[in-house]
Protein backbone atom coordinates (compact mmCIF):
# COMPACT_ATOMS: atom_id res chain seq x y z
CA UNK A 1 0.09 -11.68 -9.84
CA UNK A 2 3.40 -11.85 -11.30
CA UNK A 3 5.75 -8.97 -10.96
CA UNK A 4 9.20 -7.85 -11.03
CA UNK A 5 11.24 -8.69 -8.00
CA UNK A 6 13.22 -5.22 -7.86
CA UNK A 7 14.85 -6.36 -4.51
CA UNK A 8 16.37 -9.44 -6.26
CA UNK A 9 17.62 -7.09 -8.82
CA UNK A 10 19.32 -4.68 -6.34
CA UNK A 11 20.80 -7.53 -4.25
CA UNK A 12 22.23 -9.27 -7.31
CA UNK A 13 23.85 -6.09 -8.54
CA UNK A 14 25.30 -5.44 -5.07
CA UNK A 15 26.60 -9.02 -4.91
CA UNK A 16 28.33 -8.65 -8.28
CA UNK A 17 29.77 -5.36 -7.05
CA UNK A 18 28.30 -3.20 -9.80
CA UNK A 19 27.83 0.40 -9.08
CA UNK A 20 24.57 2.13 -10.20
CA UNK A 21 26.60 3.99 -12.78
CA UNK A 22 28.00 0.75 -14.08
CA UNK A 23 24.72 -0.72 -14.59
CA UNK A 24 23.49 2.50 -16.27
CA UNK A 25 26.28 2.43 -18.83
CA UNK A 26 25.60 -1.35 -19.41
CA UNK A 27 21.91 -0.73 -19.77
CA UNK A 28 22.52 2.29 -22.01
CA UNK A 29 21.08 4.97 -19.68
CA UNK A 30 22.98 8.29 -19.22
CA UNK A 31 23.64 8.07 -15.45
CA UNK A 32 23.34 6.01 -12.26
CA UNK A 33 20.29 8.12 -10.97
CA UNK A 34 18.32 6.99 -14.07
CA UNK A 35 19.17 3.39 -13.50
CA UNK A 36 18.25 3.78 -9.64
CA UNK A 37 14.66 4.98 -10.71
CA UNK A 38 14.21 1.71 -12.57
CA UNK A 39 15.52 -0.45 -9.55
CA UNK A 40 13.40 1.45 -7.12
CA UNK A 41 10.34 1.04 -9.22
CA UNK A 42 9.91 4.86 -10.09
CA UNK A 43 10.33 3.80 -13.79
CA UNK A 44 9.27 0.44 -15.04
CA UNK A 45 11.77 -1.91 -16.71
CA UNK A 46 10.70 -2.62 -20.29
CA UNK A 47 10.69 -6.08 -21.75
CA UNK A 48 13.57 -5.07 -24.14
CA UNK A 49 15.58 -4.21 -21.04
CA UNK A 50 15.29 -7.70 -19.55
CA UNK A 51 17.73 -9.75 -21.88
CA UNK A 52 20.51 -6.99 -21.09
CA UNK A 53 19.61 -7.07 -17.39
CA UNK A 54 19.83 -10.79 -17.17
CA UNK A 55 23.11 -10.93 -19.08
CA UNK A 56 24.76 -8.24 -16.84
CA UNK A 57 23.47 -9.68 -13.61
CA UNK A 58 24.35 -13.28 -14.64
CA UNK A 59 20.91 -14.92 -14.22
CA UNK A 60 17.91 -16.07 -16.11
CA UNK A 61 14.95 -13.67 -17.16
CA UNK A 62 12.52 -15.86 -15.22
CA UNK A 63 14.67 -15.01 -12.08
CA UNK A 64 13.36 -11.33 -12.11
CA UNK A 65 9.85 -12.50 -11.56
CA UNK A 66 8.09 -13.22 -8.29
CA UNK A 67 4.40 -14.20 -7.61
CA UNK A 68 2.59 -11.71 -5.22
CA UNK A 69 0.25 -13.60 -3.19
CA UNK A 70 -1.76 -11.35 -0.78
CA UNK A 71 -2.12 -12.57 2.80
CA UNK A 72 -5.70 -12.82 3.99
CA UNK A 73 -6.40 -11.91 7.62
CA UNK A 74 -9.08 -13.95 9.37
CA UNK A 75 -10.42 -12.89 12.64
CA UNK A 76 -11.46 -15.77 14.78
CA UNK A 77 -14.07 -15.71 17.47
CA UNK A 78 -11.59 -14.47 20.23
CA UNK A 79 -11.02 -11.47 18.10
CA UNK A 80 -7.34 -12.26 17.47
CA UNK A 81 -6.03 -12.13 13.97
CA UNK A 82 -4.67 -15.18 11.98
CA UNK A 83 -2.61 -14.89 8.78
CA UNK A 84 -3.90 -17.34 6.14
CA UNK A 85 -1.63 -17.27 2.96
CA UNK A 86 -4.52 -19.09 0.94
């Protein structure tokens, strides 16, 4: 499943030295706390947010997405757990 990498977005903002309020202003939100809710996943970024977000964070839209692959735990005969990412 492909999903937004909110950690990437936060790290990129911090690396560029942008405050929550600066990002809110650039994204057209009233205040930093509103932007924070998007960055934390309380609100979902909409498709029309992504071009502005990529411009402000100086990256490609594709950089925002990650593939979430669940780890499958396999219990072997001895009862210990092996993580198998396949």
